[in-house]
């Protein structure tokens, strides 16, 4: 009779992580690696290792470092927009919405300089590299459209017609936010959160016809 003592059953297959979880971990690792090394000096191998995966896992979710970088910036922008728009559907006080939006965006500009630095770095590379521009330009276009849609939703509650159409308003807000972020990086004392909030509030108030409070 064969002995079975000490014999163990072969391990079963290791459950595969859902694709969404793999992507989430890769983006979290990318944020860490990009923050530590900057875009140029970050390698996909390092990002994969930090996330606990092989380099193949990166390529199964992102076509290139540019695309991974763009996805990271897009994720942060979408989180900001969701925060800004929280409660908009139920609110009717446009002035209060304008004031809240200005505070949220101003705080993200001053409290999250990493995103500003990375955004500036990738924009600079996009000017010089067509493959980077091919990733960044559609992302920026989508961000402008999302900002315009946010203005449209807010002004639905406004008693007066907005100063400009939502599409143009999105362009103005997108460019203002990027400009404030860059100025804060260069001169954080001269352009602090309070100053950024006032600037955003003034422009948002003009766009929506409501002074923030």
N, C-alpha and C. Protein backbone atom coordinates (compact mmCIF):
# COMPACT_ATOMS: atom_id res chain seq x y z
N UNK A 1 0.86 -1.19 0.00
CA UNK A 1 0.00 0.00 0.00
C UNK A 1 0.89 1.24 0.00
N UNK A 2 0.70 2.16 -0.94
CA UNK A 2 1.59 3.31 -1.04
C UNK A 2 1.41 4.25 0.14
N UNK A 3 2.51 4.83 0.55
CA UNK A 3 2.48 5.76 1.67
C UNK A 3 2.00 7.13 1.18
N UNK A 4 1.20 7.73 2.01
CA UNK A 4 0.69 9.06 1.65
C UNK A 4 1.10 10.11 2.67
N UNK A 5 1.74 9.64 3.81
CA UNK A 5 2.13 10.60 4.82
C UNK A 5 3.13 11.60 4.25
N UNK A 6 2.93 12.86 4.62
CA UNK A 6 3.88 13.88 4.20
C UNK A 6 3.65 14.41 2.81
N UNK A 7 2.74 13.77 2.07
CA UNK A 7 2.44 14.25 0.73
C UNK A 7 1.34 15.31 0.81
N UNK A 8 1.52 16.40 0.11
CA UNK A 8 0.50 17.46 0.10
C UNK A 8 -0.11 17.54 -1.28
N UNK A 9 -1.32 18.01 -1.30
CA UNK A 9 -2.00 18.18 -2.57
C UNK A 9 -1.36 19.33 -3.34
N UNK A 10 -1.26 19.21 -4.65
CA UNK A 10 -0.69 20.33 -5.42
C UNK A 10 -1.55 21.57 -5.26
N UNK A 11 -0.92 22.71 -5.19
CA UNK A 11 -1.70 23.94 -5.01
C UNK A 11 -2.64 24.17 -6.18
N UNK A 12 -3.79 24.73 -5.87
CA UNK A 12 -4.74 25.06 -6.91
C UNK A 12 -4.32 26.31 -7.65
N UNK A 13 -5.01 26.63 -8.69
CA UNK A 13 -4.67 27.84 -9.46
C UNK A 13 -4.85 29.09 -8.61
N UNK A 14 -3.94 30.02 -8.78
CA UNK A 14 -4.03 31.28 -8.06
C UNK A 14 -5.11 32.14 -8.71
N UNK A 15 -6.06 32.62 -7.94
CA UNK A 15 -7.13 33.43 -8.55
C UNK A 15 -6.55 34.67 -9.22
N UNK A 16 -7.04 34.96 -10.40
CA UNK A 16 -6.58 36.14 -11.13
C UNK A 16 -7.31 37.37 -10.61
N UNK A 17 -6.57 38.43 -10.46
CA UNK A 17 -7.18 39.69 -10.04
C UNK A 17 -8.05 40.23 -11.16
N UNK A 18 -9.15 40.87 -10.81
CA UNK A 18 -9.95 41.54 -11.85
C UNK A 18 -9.11 42.58 -12.57
N UNK A 19 -9.39 42.78 -13.81
CA UNK A 19 -8.64 43.75 -14.60
C UNK A 19 -8.71 45.14 -13.98
N UNK A 20 -9.86 45.49 -13.44
CA UNK A 20 -10.02 46.81 -12.83
C UNK A 20 -9.07 46.99 -11.65
N UNK A 21 -8.86 45.91 -10.88
CA UNK A 21 -7.96 45.99 -9.73
C UNK A 21 -6.50 46.09 -10.18
N UNK A 22 -6.15 45.36 -11.22
CA UNK A 22 -4.79 45.46 -11.77
C UNK A 22 -4.53 46.89 -12.23
N UNK A 23 -5.49 47.45 -12.93
CA UNK A 23 -5.34 48.82 -13.43
C UNK A 23 -5.22 49.81 -12.27
N UNK A 24 -6.05 49.61 -11.25
CA UNK A 24 -6.00 50.52 -10.09
C UNK A 24 -4.63 50.48 -9.43
N UNK A 25 -4.07 49.28 -9.25
CA UNK A 25 -2.76 49.15 -8.61
C UNK A 25 -1.65 49.75 -9.48
N UNK A 26 -1.78 49.57 -10.77
CA UNK A 26 -0.77 50.15 -11.67
C UNK A 26 -0.80 51.67 -11.61
N UNK A 27 -1.97 52.24 -11.58
CA UNK A 27 -2.08 53.70 -11.51
C UNK A 27 -1.54 54.22 -10.18
N UNK A 28 -1.84 53.51 -9.09
CA UNK A 28 -1.32 53.93 -7.79
C UNK A 28 0.21 53.86 -7.77
N UNK A 29 0.76 52.79 -8.33
CA UNK A 29 2.21 52.65 -8.39
C UNK A 29 2.82 53.71 -9.30
N UNK A 30 2.15 54.00 -10.41
CA UNK A 30 2.66 55.02 -11.33
C UNK A 30 2.71 56.38 -10.65
N UNK A 31 1.70 56.71 -9.86
CA UNK A 31 1.70 57.98 -9.15
C UNK A 31 2.91 58.08 -8.23
N UNK A 32 3.22 56.97 -7.56
CA UNK A 32 4.35 56.94 -6.64
C UNK A 32 5.68 57.08 -7.38
N UNK A 33 5.85 56.31 -8.44
CA UNK A 33 7.12 56.32 -9.18
C UNK A 33 7.31 57.65 -9.90
N UNK A 34 6.28 58.16 -10.55
CA UNK A 34 6.40 59.44 -11.24
C UNK A 34 6.72 60.56 -10.26
N UNK A 35 6.12 60.49 -9.06
CA UNK A 35 6.38 61.52 -8.05
C UNK A 35 7.83 61.49 -7.60
N UNK A 36 8.39 60.30 -7.47
CA UNK A 36 9.75 60.16 -6.98
C UNK A 36 10.80 60.49 -8.04
N UNK A 37 10.52 60.14 -9.30
CA UNK A 37 11.54 60.22 -10.33
C UNK A 37 11.24 61.19 -11.46
N UNK A 38 9.99 61.66 -11.55
CA UNK A 38 9.61 62.45 -12.71
C UNK A 38 9.28 61.54 -13.88
N UNK A 39 8.69 62.13 -14.92
CA UNK A 39 8.26 61.31 -16.06
C UNK A 39 9.44 60.71 -16.80
N UNK A 40 10.43 61.53 -17.12
CA UNK A 40 11.52 61.08 -17.99
C UNK A 40 12.30 59.92 -17.40
N UNK A 41 12.51 59.93 -16.08
CA UNK A 41 13.35 58.92 -15.44
C UNK A 41 12.57 57.74 -14.89
N UNK A 42 11.28 57.72 -15.11
CA UNK A 42 10.46 56.60 -14.65
C UNK A 42 10.39 55.52 -15.73
N UNK A 43 10.54 54.26 -15.32
CA UNK A 43 10.49 53.15 -16.27
C UNK A 43 9.28 52.28 -15.98
N UNK A 44 8.75 51.68 -17.03
CA UNK A 44 7.60 50.81 -16.84
C UNK A 44 7.94 49.61 -15.97
N UNK A 45 9.18 49.14 -16.04
CA UNK A 45 9.59 48.03 -15.19
C UNK A 45 9.48 48.40 -13.71
N UNK A 46 9.86 49.62 -13.38
CA UNK A 46 9.79 50.06 -11.99
C UNK A 46 8.35 50.20 -11.53
N UNK A 47 7.49 50.69 -12.41
CA UNK A 47 6.08 50.84 -12.06
C UNK A 47 5.44 49.47 -11.85
N UNK A 48 5.74 48.54 -12.75
CA UNK A 48 5.20 47.19 -12.61
C UNK A 48 5.66 46.54 -11.31
N UNK A 49 6.94 46.70 -11.00
CA UNK A 49 7.49 46.11 -9.77
C UNK A 49 6.83 46.71 -8.54
N UNK A 50 6.65 48.03 -8.55
CA UNK A 50 6.02 48.69 -7.41
C UNK A 50 4.58 48.23 -7.21
N UNK A 51 3.92 47.85 -8.30
CA UNK A 51 2.54 47.37 -8.22
C UNK A 51 2.45 45.88 -7.92
N UNK A 52 3.60 45.18 -7.99
CA UNK A 52 3.60 43.74 -7.74
C UNK A 52 3.29 42.90 -8.96
N UNK A 53 3.55 43.44 -10.14
CA UNK A 53 3.25 42.72 -11.38
C UNK A 53 4.49 42.69 -12.27
N UNK A 54 4.35 41.96 -13.36
CA UNK A 54 5.39 41.96 -14.39
C UNK A 54 5.15 43.12 -15.34
N UNK A 55 6.13 43.40 -16.17
CA UNK A 55 5.99 44.47 -17.15
C UNK A 55 4.85 44.17 -18.12
N UNK A 56 4.61 42.87 -18.36
CA UNK A 56 3.52 42.49 -19.26
C UNK A 56 2.17 42.97 -18.77
N UNK A 57 2.01 43.07 -17.45
CA UNK A 57 0.73 43.54 -16.91
C UNK A 57 0.49 44.99 -17.29
N UNK A 58 1.58 45.76 -17.37
CA UNK A 58 1.44 47.15 -17.79
C UNK A 58 0.95 47.22 -19.23
N UNK A 59 1.62 46.44 -20.10
CA UNK A 59 1.27 46.50 -21.52
C UNK A 59 -0.10 45.88 -21.81
N UNK A 60 -0.61 45.07 -20.91
CA UNK A 60 -1.95 44.53 -21.13
C UNK A 60 -3.03 45.54 -20.79
N UNK A 61 -2.64 46.64 -20.13
CA UNK A 61 -3.59 47.68 -19.76
C UNK A 61 -3.31 49.02 -20.42
N UNK A 62 -2.05 49.27 -20.77
CA UNK A 62 -1.67 50.55 -21.37
C UNK A 62 -0.69 50.30 -22.51
N UNK A 63 -0.86 51.01 -23.60
CA UNK A 63 -0.01 50.79 -24.77
C UNK A 63 1.39 51.36 -24.61
N UNK A 64 1.55 52.35 -23.73
CA UNK A 64 2.83 53.02 -23.62
C UNK A 64 2.91 53.77 -22.30
N UNK A 65 4.10 54.27 -22.00
CA UNK A 65 4.27 55.10 -20.81
C UNK A 65 3.44 56.37 -20.94
N UNK A 66 3.37 56.92 -22.15
CA UNK A 66 2.57 58.13 -22.36
C UNK A 66 1.11 57.88 -22.01
N UNK A 67 0.60 56.73 -22.45
CA UNK A 67 -0.81 56.43 -22.18
C UNK A 67 -1.04 56.22 -20.69
N UNK A 68 -0.12 55.55 -20.01
CA UNK A 68 -0.24 55.34 -18.57
C UNK A 68 -0.22 56.68 -17.84
N UNK A 69 0.68 57.54 -18.25
CA UNK A 69 0.79 58.86 -17.64
C UNK A 69 -0.49 59.66 -17.86
N UNK A 70 -1.00 59.62 -19.09
CA UNK A 70 -2.24 60.33 -19.39
C UNK A 70 -3.41 59.80 -18.58
N UNK A 71 -3.46 58.48 -18.39
CA UNK A 71 -4.54 57.88 -17.60
C UNK A 71 -4.47 58.34 -16.15
N UNK A 72 -3.26 58.48 -15.63
CA UNK A 72 -3.09 58.93 -14.26
C UNK A 72 -3.60 60.36 -14.09
N UNK A 73 -3.21 61.24 -14.99
CA UNK A 73 -3.68 62.62 -14.92
C UNK A 73 -5.19 62.71 -15.13
N UNK A 74 -5.70 61.88 -16.03
CA UNK A 74 -7.14 61.89 -16.30
C UNK A 74 -7.91 61.42 -15.07
N UNK A 75 -7.40 60.41 -14.38
CA UNK A 75 -8.07 59.90 -13.18
C UNK A 75 -8.17 60.99 -12.12
N UNK A 76 -7.09 61.75 -11.95
CA UNK A 76 -7.09 62.82 -10.95
C UNK A 76 -8.04 63.95 -11.35
N UNK A 77 -8.08 64.25 -12.62
CA UNK A 77 -8.99 65.30 -13.10
C UNK A 77 -10.44 64.89 -12.91
N UNK A 78 -10.75 63.63 -13.17
CA UNK A 78 -12.11 63.14 -13.01
C UNK A 78 -12.53 63.14 -11.55
N UNK A 79 -11.59 62.83 -10.65
CA UNK A 79 -11.89 62.86 -9.22
C UNK A 79 -12.19 64.29 -8.77
N UNK A 80 -11.42 65.24 -9.30
CA UNK A 80 -11.66 66.65 -8.97
C UNK A 80 -13.02 67.10 -9.47
N UNK A 81 -13.35 66.74 -10.72
CA UNK A 81 -14.63 67.15 -11.28
C UNK A 81 -15.79 66.55 -10.48
N UNK A 82 -15.66 65.29 -10.08
CA UNK A 82 -16.71 64.64 -9.30
C UNK A 82 -16.90 65.36 -7.96
N UNK A 83 -15.79 65.78 -7.37
CA UNK A 83 -15.85 66.52 -6.11
C UNK A 83 -16.53 67.87 -6.30
N UNK A 84 -16.16 68.55 -7.37
CA UNK A 84 -16.76 69.86 -7.65
C UNK A 84 -18.26 69.74 -7.88
N UNK A 85 -18.66 68.67 -8.59
CA UNK A 85 -20.06 68.55 -8.99
C UNK A 85 -20.92 67.84 -7.96
N UNK A 86 -20.34 67.40 -6.86
CA UNK A 86 -21.11 66.68 -5.84
C UNK A 86 -22.27 67.56 -5.35
N UNK A 87 -23.47 67.04 -5.44
CA UNK A 87 -24.64 67.76 -4.97
C UNK A 87 -25.21 68.78 -5.93
N UNK A 88 -24.61 68.93 -7.10
CA UNK A 88 -25.09 69.94 -8.04
C UNK A 88 -26.52 69.67 -8.49
N UNK A 89 -26.84 68.41 -8.69
CA UNK A 89 -28.16 68.08 -9.20
C UNK A 89 -29.28 68.48 -8.26
N UNK A 90 -29.00 68.50 -6.94
CA UNK A 90 -30.04 68.84 -5.98
C UNK A 90 -30.02 70.31 -5.59
N UNK A 91 -28.91 71.00 -5.88
CA UNK A 91 -28.75 72.38 -5.41
C UNK A 91 -29.42 73.36 -6.35
N UNK A 92 -29.88 74.47 -5.79
CA UNK A 92 -30.48 75.52 -6.61
C UNK A 92 -29.80 76.87 -6.37
N UNK A 93 -28.94 76.96 -5.38
CA UNK A 93 -28.23 78.20 -5.07
C UNK A 93 -26.95 78.25 -5.89
N UNK A 94 -27.01 78.93 -7.02
CA UNK A 94 -25.86 78.96 -7.93
C UNK A 94 -24.68 79.66 -7.29
N UNK A 95 -24.93 80.71 -6.53
CA UNK A 95 -23.84 81.44 -5.88
C UNK A 95 -23.07 80.53 -4.93
N UNK A 96 -23.78 79.72 -4.17
CA UNK A 96 -23.11 78.79 -3.25
C UNK A 96 -22.33 77.74 -4.02
N UNK A 97 -22.88 77.26 -5.14
CA UNK A 97 -22.18 76.28 -5.96
C UNK A 97 -20.89 76.86 -6.53
N UNK A 98 -20.95 78.10 -6.98
CA UNK A 98 -19.77 78.77 -7.53
C UNK A 98 -18.70 78.89 -6.45
N UNK A 99 -19.09 79.30 -5.27
CA UNK A 99 -18.13 79.43 -4.19
C UNK A 99 -17.51 78.11 -3.80
N UNK A 100 -18.32 77.06 -3.75
CA UNK A 100 -17.79 75.75 -3.39
C UNK A 100 -16.83 75.25 -4.46
N UNK A 101 -17.19 75.40 -5.72
CA UNK A 101 -16.33 74.95 -6.81
C UNK A 101 -14.99 75.67 -6.77
N UNK A 102 -15.02 76.96 -6.53
CA UNK A 102 -13.77 77.73 -6.46
C UNK A 102 -12.89 77.24 -5.33
N UNK A 103 -13.47 76.93 -4.19
CA UNK A 103 -12.69 76.44 -3.04
C UNK A 103 -12.08 75.08 -3.34
N UNK A 104 -12.88 74.18 -3.91
CA UNK A 104 -12.40 72.82 -4.17
C UNK A 104 -11.23 72.84 -5.16
N UNK A 105 -11.39 73.56 -6.26
CA UNK A 105 -10.33 73.58 -7.28
C UNK A 105 -9.09 74.29 -6.75
N UNK A 106 -9.28 75.39 -6.03
CA UNK A 106 -8.12 76.11 -5.48
C UNK A 106 -7.34 75.22 -4.53
N UNK A 107 -8.03 74.47 -3.68
CA UNK A 107 -7.35 73.60 -2.73
C UNK A 107 -6.61 72.46 -3.43
N UNK A 108 -7.18 71.95 -4.48
CA UNK A 108 -6.49 70.88 -5.21
C UNK A 108 -5.24 71.43 -5.90
N UNK A 109 -5.31 72.66 -6.37
CA UNK A 109 -4.14 73.26 -7.00
C UNK A 109 -3.00 73.39 -5.99
N UNK A 110 -3.32 73.87 -4.79
CA UNK A 110 -2.28 74.13 -3.81
C UNK A 110 -1.91 72.91 -2.98
N UNK A 111 -2.83 71.98 -2.80
CA UNK A 111 -2.56 70.81 -1.97
C UNK A 111 -2.01 69.62 -2.76
N UNK A 112 -2.10 69.67 -4.08
CA UNK A 112 -1.63 68.55 -4.91
C UNK A 112 -0.66 69.07 -5.97
N UNK A 113 0.49 69.60 -5.54
CA UNK A 113 1.45 70.11 -6.53
C UNK A 113 2.02 69.03 -7.43
N UNK A 114 1.96 67.76 -6.99
CA UNK A 114 2.46 66.68 -7.83
C UNK A 114 1.74 66.66 -9.16
N UNK A 115 0.42 66.75 -9.14
CA UNK A 115 -0.33 66.71 -10.40
C UNK A 115 0.04 67.88 -11.29
N UNK A 116 0.25 69.04 -10.66
CA UNK A 116 0.63 70.22 -11.45
C UNK A 116 2.00 70.03 -12.08
N UNK A 117 2.95 69.49 -11.32
CA UNK A 117 4.29 69.27 -11.87
C UNK A 117 4.26 68.26 -13.00
N UNK A 118 3.52 67.17 -12.78
CA UNK A 118 3.44 66.14 -13.81
C UNK A 118 2.72 66.67 -15.05
N UNK A 119 1.67 67.44 -14.84
CA UNK A 119 0.94 68.00 -15.97
C UNK A 119 1.80 68.94 -16.79
N UNK A 120 2.59 69.75 -16.10
CA UNK A 120 3.48 70.67 -16.80
C UNK A 120 4.55 69.91 -17.57
N UNK A 121 5.08 68.86 -16.95
CA UNK A 121 6.12 68.07 -17.60
C UNK A 121 5.60 67.39 -18.87
N UNK A 122 4.42 66.79 -18.78
CA UNK A 122 3.89 66.07 -19.94
C UNK A 122 3.47 67.06 -21.04
N UNK A 123 3.01 68.25 -20.66
CA UNK A 123 2.65 69.25 -21.66
C UNK A 123 3.88 69.71 -22.43
N UNK A 124 4.97 69.89 -21.71
CA UNK A 124 6.22 70.30 -22.35
C UNK A 124 6.72 69.24 -23.32
N UNK A 125 6.61 67.99 -22.93
CA UNK A 125 7.03 66.90 -23.82
C UNK A 125 6.10 66.80 -25.02
N UNK A 126 4.82 67.07 -24.83
CA UNK A 126 3.86 66.98 -25.95
C UNK A 126 4.19 67.96 -27.05
N UNK A 127 4.74 69.12 -26.67
CA UNK A 127 5.12 70.11 -27.68
C UNK A 127 6.24 69.59 -28.56
N UNK A 128 7.11 68.73 -28.00
CA UNK A 128 8.28 68.25 -28.74
C UNK A 128 8.09 66.87 -29.35
N UNK A 129 7.16 66.08 -28.81
CA UNK A 129 7.03 64.68 -29.24
C UNK A 129 5.62 64.41 -29.76
N UNK A 130 5.52 63.98 -30.98
CA UNK A 130 4.20 63.73 -31.57
C UNK A 130 3.47 62.60 -30.86
N UNK A 131 4.20 61.55 -30.44
CA UNK A 131 3.53 60.43 -29.77
C UNK A 131 2.95 60.84 -28.42
N UNK A 132 3.61 61.77 -27.75
CA UNK A 132 3.07 62.28 -26.49
C UNK A 132 1.89 63.20 -26.76
N UNK A 133 2.00 64.04 -27.77
CA UNK A 133 0.88 64.91 -28.13
C UNK A 133 -0.36 64.10 -28.49
N UNK A 134 -0.17 62.96 -29.13
CA UNK A 134 -1.31 62.13 -29.54
C UNK A 134 -2.08 61.62 -28.33
N UNK A 135 -1.42 61.50 -27.19
CA UNK A 135 -2.08 61.07 -25.95
C UNK A 135 -2.64 62.26 -25.20
N UNK A 136 -1.87 63.33 -25.12
CA UNK A 136 -2.23 64.47 -24.28
C UNK A 136 -3.35 65.31 -24.90
N UNK A 137 -3.31 65.54 -26.21
CA UNK A 137 -4.30 66.41 -26.83
C UNK A 137 -5.74 65.92 -26.62
N UNK A 138 -6.05 64.63 -26.87
CA UNK A 138 -7.43 64.18 -26.61
C UNK A 138 -7.81 64.28 -25.14
N UNK A 139 -6.85 64.06 -24.24
CA UNK A 139 -7.13 64.18 -22.81
C UNK A 139 -7.49 65.61 -22.46
N UNK A 140 -6.71 66.57 -22.96
CA UNK A 140 -7.00 67.97 -22.69
C UNK A 140 -8.35 68.36 -23.29
N UNK A 141 -8.63 67.86 -24.47
CA UNK A 141 -9.91 68.17 -25.12
C UNK A 141 -11.08 67.67 -24.26
N UNK A 142 -10.92 66.47 -23.73
CA UNK A 142 -11.98 65.90 -22.88
C UNK A 142 -12.13 66.69 -21.59
N UNK A 143 -11.03 67.17 -21.04
CA UNK A 143 -11.10 67.96 -19.81
C UNK A 143 -11.82 69.28 -20.06
N UNK A 144 -11.55 69.91 -21.20
CA UNK A 144 -12.25 71.16 -21.52
C UNK A 144 -13.75 70.91 -21.69
N UNK A 145 -14.07 69.80 -22.35
CA UNK A 145 -15.48 69.47 -22.55
C UNK A 145 -16.17 69.19 -21.22
N UNK A 146 -15.48 68.50 -20.32
CA UNK A 146 -16.06 68.19 -19.00
C UNK A 146 -16.28 69.46 -18.20
N UNK A 147 -15.33 70.40 -18.29
CA UNK A 147 -15.51 71.67 -17.60
C UNK A 147 -16.71 72.43 -18.16
N UNK A 148 -16.86 72.39 -19.47
CA UNK A 148 -18.01 73.04 -20.09
C UNK A 148 -19.32 72.40 -19.67
N UNK A 149 -19.32 71.08 -19.56
CA UNK A 149 -20.53 70.38 -19.14
C UNK A 149 -20.87 70.73 -17.70
N UNK A 150 -19.85 70.90 -16.87
CA UNK A 150 -20.09 71.29 -15.48
C UNK A 150 -20.74 72.68 -15.41
N UNK A 151 -20.24 73.60 -16.23
CA UNK A 151 -20.84 74.94 -16.27
C UNK A 151 -22.29 74.85 -16.74
N UNK A 152 -22.54 74.02 -17.74
CA UNK A 152 -23.91 73.88 -18.24
C UNK A 152 -24.85 73.38 -17.15
N UNK A 153 -24.39 72.41 -16.36
CA UNK A 153 -25.25 71.86 -15.29
C UNK A 153 -25.52 72.91 -14.22
N UNK A 154 -24.50 73.69 -13.90
CA UNK A 154 -24.67 74.71 -12.86
C UNK A 154 -25.62 75.81 -13.34
N UNK A 155 -25.43 76.25 -14.58
CA UNK A 155 -26.23 77.37 -15.08
C UNK A 155 -27.67 76.97 -15.40
N UNK A 156 -27.95 75.69 -15.37
CA UNK A 156 -29.35 75.27 -15.52
C UNK A 156 -30.21 75.83 -14.39
N UNK A 157 -29.57 76.08 -13.23
CA UNK A 157 -30.29 76.61 -12.07
C UNK A 157 -30.23 78.13 -12.00
N UNK A 158 -29.45 78.76 -12.89
CA UNK A 158 -29.27 80.20 -12.81
C UNK A 158 -30.47 80.93 -13.38
N UNK A 159 -30.88 82.04 -12.74
CA UNK A 159 -32.03 82.80 -13.27
C UNK A 159 -31.71 83.55 -14.55
N UNK A 160 -30.43 83.91 -14.75
CA UNK A 160 -30.03 84.66 -15.93
C UNK A 160 -29.22 83.78 -16.87
N UNK A 161 -29.19 84.18 -18.13
CA UNK A 161 -28.41 83.43 -19.11
C UNK A 161 -26.92 83.58 -18.81
N UNK A 162 -26.12 82.52 -19.02
CA UNK A 162 -24.68 82.62 -18.77
C UNK A 162 -24.01 83.60 -19.72
N UNK A 163 -22.83 84.08 -19.32
CA UNK A 163 -22.13 85.09 -20.12
C UNK A 163 -21.69 84.56 -21.48
N UNK A 164 -21.28 83.30 -21.53
CA UNK A 164 -20.84 82.68 -22.78
C UNK A 164 -21.40 81.27 -22.84
N UNK A 165 -21.31 80.64 -24.00
CA UNK A 165 -21.81 79.28 -24.12
C UNK A 165 -20.93 78.32 -23.32
N UNK A 166 -21.46 77.18 -22.87
CA UNK A 166 -20.71 76.27 -22.01
C UNK A 166 -19.40 75.78 -22.61
N UNK A 167 -19.36 75.58 -23.93
CA UNK A 167 -18.12 75.11 -24.55
C UNK A 167 -16.98 76.09 -24.36
N UNK A 168 -17.26 77.37 -24.60
CA UNK A 168 -16.24 78.39 -24.41
C UNK A 168 -15.90 78.55 -22.93
N UNK A 169 -16.92 78.44 -22.08
CA UNK A 169 -16.68 78.51 -20.64
C UNK A 169 -15.71 77.41 -20.19
N UNK A 170 -15.86 76.21 -20.76
CA UNK A 170 -14.95 75.11 -20.43
C UNK A 170 -13.52 75.42 -20.81
N UNK A 171 -13.33 76.05 -21.97
CA UNK A 171 -11.98 76.44 -22.41
C UNK A 171 -11.39 77.46 -21.43
N UNK A 172 -12.18 78.46 -21.05
CA UNK A 172 -11.70 79.49 -20.14
C UNK A 172 -11.30 78.90 -18.79
N UNK A 173 -12.15 78.06 -18.23
CA UNK A 173 -11.87 77.47 -16.92
C UNK A 173 -10.67 76.54 -16.97
N UNK A 174 -10.58 75.74 -18.02
CA UNK A 174 -9.46 74.80 -18.15
C UNK A 174 -8.14 75.56 -18.21
N UNK A 175 -8.09 76.60 -19.03
CA UNK A 175 -6.85 77.36 -19.17
C UNK A 175 -6.54 78.14 -17.91
N UNK A 176 -7.55 78.68 -17.25
CA UNK A 176 -7.33 79.40 -16.00
C UNK A 176 -6.77 78.46 -14.93
N UNK A 177 -7.35 77.30 -14.81
CA UNK A 177 -6.89 76.34 -13.79
C UNK A 177 -5.45 75.94 -14.05
N UNK A 178 -5.11 75.63 -15.30
CA UNK A 178 -3.73 75.26 -15.62
C UNK A 178 -2.77 76.41 -15.35
N UNK A 179 -3.19 77.62 -15.68
CA UNK A 179 -2.34 78.77 -15.44
C UNK A 179 -2.11 79.01 -13.96
N UNK A 180 -3.16 78.90 -13.16
CA UNK A 180 -3.02 79.07 -11.71
C UNK A 180 -2.11 78.00 -11.11
N UNK A 181 -2.25 76.78 -11.61
CA UNK A 181 -1.41 75.68 -11.10
C UNK A 181 0.06 75.96 -11.39
N UNK A 182 0.35 76.42 -12.59
CA UNK A 182 1.74 76.73 -12.94
C UNK A 182 2.29 77.88 -12.11
N UNK A 183 1.50 78.93 -11.95
CA UNK A 183 1.94 80.07 -11.16
C UNK A 183 2.18 79.69 -9.71
N UNK A 184 1.34 78.80 -9.18
CA UNK A 184 1.54 78.36 -7.79
C UNK A 184 2.83 77.58 -7.65
N UNK A 185 3.16 76.77 -8.64
CA UNK A 185 4.42 76.02 -8.59
C UNK A 185 5.61 76.96 -8.55
N UNK A 186 5.55 78.03 -9.33
CA UNK A 186 6.66 78.96 -9.44
C UNK A 186 6.73 79.91 -8.24
N UNK A 187 5.55 80.35 -7.77
CA UNK A 187 5.50 81.33 -6.69
C UNK A 187 4.38 80.98 -5.71
N UNK A 188 4.59 79.94 -4.89
CA UNK A 188 3.52 79.48 -3.99
C UNK A 188 3.07 80.52 -2.97
N UNK A 189 3.98 81.41 -2.56
CA UNK A 189 3.58 82.43 -1.60
C UNK A 189 2.79 83.55 -2.28
N UNK A 190 3.19 83.89 -3.48
CA UNK A 190 2.48 84.96 -4.20
C UNK A 190 1.13 84.53 -4.72
N UNK A 191 0.98 83.23 -5.02
CA UNK A 191 -0.31 82.72 -5.48
C UNK A 191 -0.70 81.55 -4.58
N UNK A 192 -1.29 81.88 -3.46
CA UNK A 192 -1.69 80.86 -2.49
C UNK A 192 -3.13 80.42 -2.74
N UNK A 193 -3.66 79.57 -1.86
CA UNK A 193 -4.99 79.02 -2.05
C UNK A 193 -6.05 80.12 -2.06
N UNK A 194 -5.90 81.11 -1.18
CA UNK A 194 -6.90 82.18 -1.11
C UNK A 194 -6.94 82.98 -2.40
N UNK A 195 -5.77 83.27 -2.95
CA UNK A 195 -5.72 84.03 -4.20
C UNK A 195 -6.31 83.23 -5.35
N UNK A 196 -5.95 81.94 -5.41
CA UNK A 196 -6.49 81.08 -6.46
C UNK A 196 -8.01 80.99 -6.35
N UNK A 197 -8.51 80.90 -5.12
CA UNK A 197 -9.96 80.82 -4.92
C UNK A 197 -10.66 82.08 -5.38
N UNK A 198 -10.07 83.23 -5.08
CA UNK A 198 -10.68 84.50 -5.51
C UNK A 198 -10.70 84.60 -7.03
N UNK A 199 -9.61 84.21 -7.66
CA UNK A 199 -9.55 84.27 -9.12
C UNK A 199 -10.58 83.34 -9.75
N UNK A 200 -10.65 82.13 -9.26
CA UNK A 200 -11.63 81.17 -9.79
C UNK A 200 -13.05 81.64 -9.53
N UNK A 201 -13.28 82.16 -8.32
CA UNK A 201 -14.63 82.63 -7.98
C UNK A 201 -15.06 83.78 -8.86
N UNK A 202 -14.12 84.70 -9.16
CA UNK A 202 -14.46 85.85 -10.00
C UNK A 202 -14.85 85.40 -11.41
N UNK A 203 -14.05 84.49 -11.98
CA UNK A 203 -14.33 84.03 -13.35
C UNK A 203 -15.58 83.16 -13.39
N UNK A 204 -15.73 82.27 -12.41
CA UNK A 204 -16.93 81.44 -12.36
C UNK A 204 -18.17 82.30 -12.16
N UNK A 205 -18.04 83.33 -11.32
CA UNK A 205 -19.17 84.21 -11.10
C UNK A 205 -19.57 84.94 -12.38
N UNK A 206 -18.58 85.39 -13.14
CA UNK A 206 -18.88 86.05 -14.42
C UNK A 206 -19.50 85.07 -15.41
N UNK A 207 -18.97 83.87 -15.48
CA UNK A 207 -19.48 82.89 -16.44
C UNK A 207 -20.92 82.49 -16.15
N UNK A 208 -21.25 82.42 -14.87
CA UNK A 208 -22.60 81.95 -14.49
C UNK A 208 -23.55 83.10 -14.16
N UNK A 209 -23.03 84.32 -14.08
CA UNK A 209 -23.87 85.45 -13.72
C UNK A 209 -24.16 85.53 -12.24
N UNK A 210 -23.36 84.83 -11.44
CA UNK A 210 -23.57 84.81 -10.00
C UNK A 210 -22.25 85.12 -9.29
N UNK A 211 -22.29 86.03 -8.33
CA UNK A 211 -21.11 86.30 -7.51
C UNK A 211 -21.03 85.22 -6.42
N UNK A 212 -19.87 84.59 -6.22
CA UNK A 212 -19.75 83.57 -5.19
C UNK A 212 -19.81 84.17 -3.80
N UNK A 213 -20.19 83.36 -2.83
CA UNK A 213 -20.16 83.85 -1.44
C UNK A 213 -19.65 82.73 -0.55
